[in-house]
Amino acid sequence: MGWIINESEDEVRLMRSDIAEDANAVSALNEPSTEIEEEEEFAFSLEKHLRDFIAYNLATLPIAQKRLRLYVNPERREGIEYPTAVGPIDILARDGEGNFVVFELKLGRGPDKTIGQLLRYMGWVKRNLAQSREVFGVIVAKDMDEKLRYAALLVPNVSLLEYEVDFRLKTAKLEG
């Protein structure tokens, strides 16, 4: 059994190849990858690392001066790539008062259409999980485009966070 990635404009799904409806997608797995495909695979891997870093460090991150923890539903499903009827939520968390926080991650620049995607997820959480609790949204990207910044100005429950990656190298001392 193999796996294929089914990618649309606003989501990426991992599907078992033995149940995929599109036989062409399965045969594409056997073709040599191109440089562009390798770059996309690398970007997908980086976004996964960003997601995991945020998810497992929620309690230490400065997000709206709230202590957050990863959401876990009654069936013990964690809030990482949390499945919904409107697409998978990158990270779903809760604060100390029981309010929900929906994270949408963009590896590079966050385009303004991202806010529509985030609001769709927030609406689903409000209707299906939150009951009387508040729902907040956070977009995390390397850079925010100007259109997204303007759009977020009028959405009070949405925050924008930009991330930085900082690697340092130092000379290793040789034993001797």
Protein backbone atom coordinates (compact mmCIF):
# COMPACT_ATOMS: atom_id res chain seq x y z
CA MET A 1 0.00 0.00 0.00
CA GLY A 2 1.32 3.46 -0.91
CA TRP A 3 0.33 7.02 -0.22
CA ILE A 4 -0.33 10.00 -2.47
CA ILE A 5 -0.71 13.69 -1.74
CA ASN A 6 -3.92 15.24 -3.05
CA GLU A 7 -3.47 19.02 -3.14
CA SER A 8 -6.16 21.64 -3.78
CA GLU A 9 -6.07 25.42 -3.51
CA ASP A 10 -6.54 25.51 0.25
CA GLU A 11 -5.61 22.10 1.61
CA VAL A 12 -3.28 19.16 1.31
CA ARG A 13 -4.55 15.64 2.01
CA LEU A 14 -2.58 12.44 2.33
CA MET A 15 -4.54 9.59 0.73
CA ARG A 16 -3.94 5.85 0.53
CA SER A 17 -3.16 5.00 -3.08
CA ASP A 18 -5.27 1.85 -2.97
CA ILE A 19 -8.40 3.91 -2.39
CA ALA A 20 -7.56 6.96 -4.48
CA GLU A 21 -10.14 7.58 -7.19
CA ASP A 22 -7.71 9.11 -9.65
CA ALA A 23 -5.50 6.42 -11.21
CA ASN A 24 -3.33 9.11 -12.79
CA ALA A 25 -2.33 10.38 -9.37
CA VAL A 26 -1.14 6.91 -8.42
CA SER A 27 0.90 6.48 -11.61
CA ALA A 28 2.49 9.89 -11.01
CA LEU A 29 4.16 8.41 -7.93
CA ASN A 30 6.38 6.29 -10.19
CA GLU A 31 7.60 9.21 -12.30
CA PRO A 32 10.91 10.84 -11.38
CA SER A 33 10.41 13.99 -9.34
CA THR A 34 11.25 17.38 -10.78
CA GLU A 35 13.19 20.15 -9.09
CA ILE A 36 9.94 22.02 -8.42
CA GLU A 37 8.37 18.94 -6.83
CA GLU A 38 11.44 18.51 -4.63
CA GLU A 39 11.21 22.16 -3.51
CA GLU A 40 7.50 21.73 -2.72
CA GLU A 41 8.27 18.55 -0.75
CA PHE A 42 10.97 20.42 1.19
CA ALA A 43 8.54 23.30 1.91
CA PHE A 44 5.88 20.80 3.05
CA SER A 45 8.43 19.24 5.40
CA LEU A 46 9.42 22.65 6.80
CA GLU A 47 5.77 23.57 7.42
CA LYS A 48 5.33 20.29 9.29
CA HIS A 49 8.32 21.15 11.50
CA LEU A 50 6.95 24.66 12.12
CA ARG A 51 3.56 23.17 13.02
CA ASP A 52 5.08 20.64 15.40
CA PHE A 53 7.32 23.25 17.04
CA ILE A 54 4.35 25.53 17.72
CA ALA A 55 2.06 22.68 18.83
CA TYR A 56 4.51 21.27 21.35
CA ASN A 57 5.63 24.66 22.68
CA LEU A 58 2.20 26.33 23.03
CA ALA A 59 2.61 26.93 26.76
CA THR A 60 5.83 28.90 26.23
CA LEU A 61 4.79 31.01 23.24
CA PRO A 62 3.59 34.60 23.73
CA ILE A 63 0.17 34.38 22.11
CA ALA A 64 -2.25 37.06 23.33
CA GLN A 65 -0.90 36.74 26.90
CA LYS A 66 -2.73 33.43 27.25
CA ARG A 67 -1.51 30.04 28.34
CA LEU A 68 -2.47 27.64 25.59
CA ARG A 69 -2.54 23.87 25.44
CA LEU A 70 -3.20 21.53 22.56
CA TYR A 71 -6.86 20.58 22.20
CA VAL A 72 -7.64 16.90 22.76
CA ASN A 73 -11.16 15.71 21.96
CA PRO A 74 -13.08 13.09 24.00
CA GLU A 75 -11.80 10.34 21.67
CA ARG A 76 -8.21 11.45 22.51
CA ARG A 77 -7.59 12.99 19.04
CA GLU A 78 -5.02 15.80 19.38
CA GLY A 79 -5.46 19.18 17.74
CA ILE A 80 -2.68 18.76 15.17
CA GLU A 81 -4.04 18.60 11.59
CA TYR A 82 -7.42 18.38 13.30
CA PRO A 83 -9.97 17.00 10.81
CA THR A 84 -13.13 19.00 10.12
CA ALA A 85 -15.84 19.00 7.47
CA VAL A 86 -14.25 22.17 6.00
CA GLY A 87 -10.62 20.99 5.92
CA PRO A 88 -7.89 20.11 8.42
CA ILE A 89 -6.98 22.73 11.04
CA ASP A 90 -3.18 23.07 11.35
CA ILE A 91 -3.33 23.46 15.14
CA LEU A 92 -6.34 23.61 17.45
CA ALA A 93 -5.67 24.77 21.01
CA ARG A 94 -7.54 25.94 24.12
CA ASP A 95 -6.73 28.63 26.64
CA GLY A 96 -7.13 28.53 30.42
CA GLU A 97 -10.78 29.66 30.22
CA GLY A 98 -11.68 26.91 27.74
CA ASN A 99 -11.79 29.19 24.69
CA PHE A 100 -10.55 27.79 21.38
CA VAL A 101 -7.61 29.06 19.31
CA VAL A 102 -7.31 28.03 15.65
CA PHE A 103 -3.89 28.31 14.00
CA GLU A 104 -3.33 28.56 10.26
CA LEU A 105 0.32 28.26 9.21
CA LYS A 106 1.87 29.56 6.01
CA LEU A 107 5.51 28.76 5.38
CA GLY A 108 6.26 31.88 3.35
CA ARG A 109 4.16 34.96 2.85
CA GLY A 110 0.62 34.91 4.21
CA PRO A 111 -1.77 35.96 1.41
CA ASP A 112 -5.03 37.71 2.21
CA LYS A 113 -7.09 34.66 1.14
CA THR A 114 -5.65 32.97 4.24
CA ILE A 115 -8.02 34.97 6.42
CA GLY A 116 -11.01 33.42 4.65
CA GLN A 117 -9.59 29.96 5.26
CA LEU A 118 -8.99 30.76 8.95
CA LEU A 119 -12.50 32.19 9.39
CA ARG A 120 -13.98 29.04 7.80
CA TYR A 121 -12.18 26.91 10.39
CA MET A 122 -13.13 29.26 13.22
CA GLY A 123 -16.79 29.09 12.15
CA TRP A 124 -16.70 25.30 12.15
CA VAL A 125 -15.15 25.25 15.65
CA LYS A 126 -17.76 27.74 16.93
CA ARG A 127 -20.64 25.66 15.60
CA ASN A 128 -19.31 22.20 16.45
CA LEU A 129 -17.04 22.49 19.52
CA ALA A 130 -17.09 25.85 21.26
CA GLN A 131 -20.71 26.10 22.41
CA SER A 132 -20.67 29.32 24.50
CA ARG A 133 -16.87 29.69 24.44
CA GLU A 134 -14.97 32.22 22.34
CA VAL A 135 -13.03 31.24 19.23
CA PHE A 136 -9.82 33.05 18.31
CA GLY A 137 -7.66 32.68 15.24
CA VAL A 138 -3.94 33.06 14.63
CA ILE A 139 -2.20 33.23 11.27
CA VAL A 140 1.50 32.38 11.44
CA ALA A 141 3.71 33.21 8.43
CA LYS A 142 7.24 34.29 7.61
CA ASP A 143 5.89 37.60 6.29
CA MET A 144 2.39 39.06 6.08
CA ASP A 145 1.38 40.77 2.89
CA GLU A 146 -0.20 44.20 3.11
CA LYS A 147 -3.61 42.96 1.99
CA LEU A 148 -3.72 40.45 4.84
CA ARG A 149 -2.72 43.12 7.36
CA TYR A 150 -5.61 45.34 6.22
CA ALA A 151 -8.09 42.46 6.28
CA ALA A 152 -7.07 41.47 9.82
CA LEU A 153 -7.59 45.02 11.11
CA LEU A 154 -11.35 44.50 11.13
CA VAL A 155 -11.46 41.00 12.59
CA PRO A 156 -11.06 41.40 16.36
CA ASN A 157 -10.54 37.71 17.19
CA VAL A 158 -7.72 37.23 14.66
CA SER A 159 -4.01 37.77 15.36
CA LEU A 160 -1.08 37.75 12.96
CA LEU A 161 2.29 36.33 14.00
CA GLU A 162 5.47 36.37 11.94
CA TYR A 163 8.15 33.82 12.64
CA GLU A 164 11.92 33.97 12.31
CA VAL A 165 14.29 31.04 11.98
CA ASP A 166 17.73 31.52 13.50
CA PHE A 167 20.44 28.90 13.06
CA ARG A 168 23.93 29.35 14.42
CA LEU A 169 27.02 27.39 13.55
CA LYS A 170 30.17 27.20 15.62
CA THR A 171 33.47 25.52 15.14
CA ALA A 172 33.66 22.12 16.78
CA LYS A 173 36.66 21.55 19.00
CA LEU A 174 38.76 18.60 18.01
CA GLU A 175 40.00 16.27 20.69
CA GLY A 176 43.70 15.92 20.75
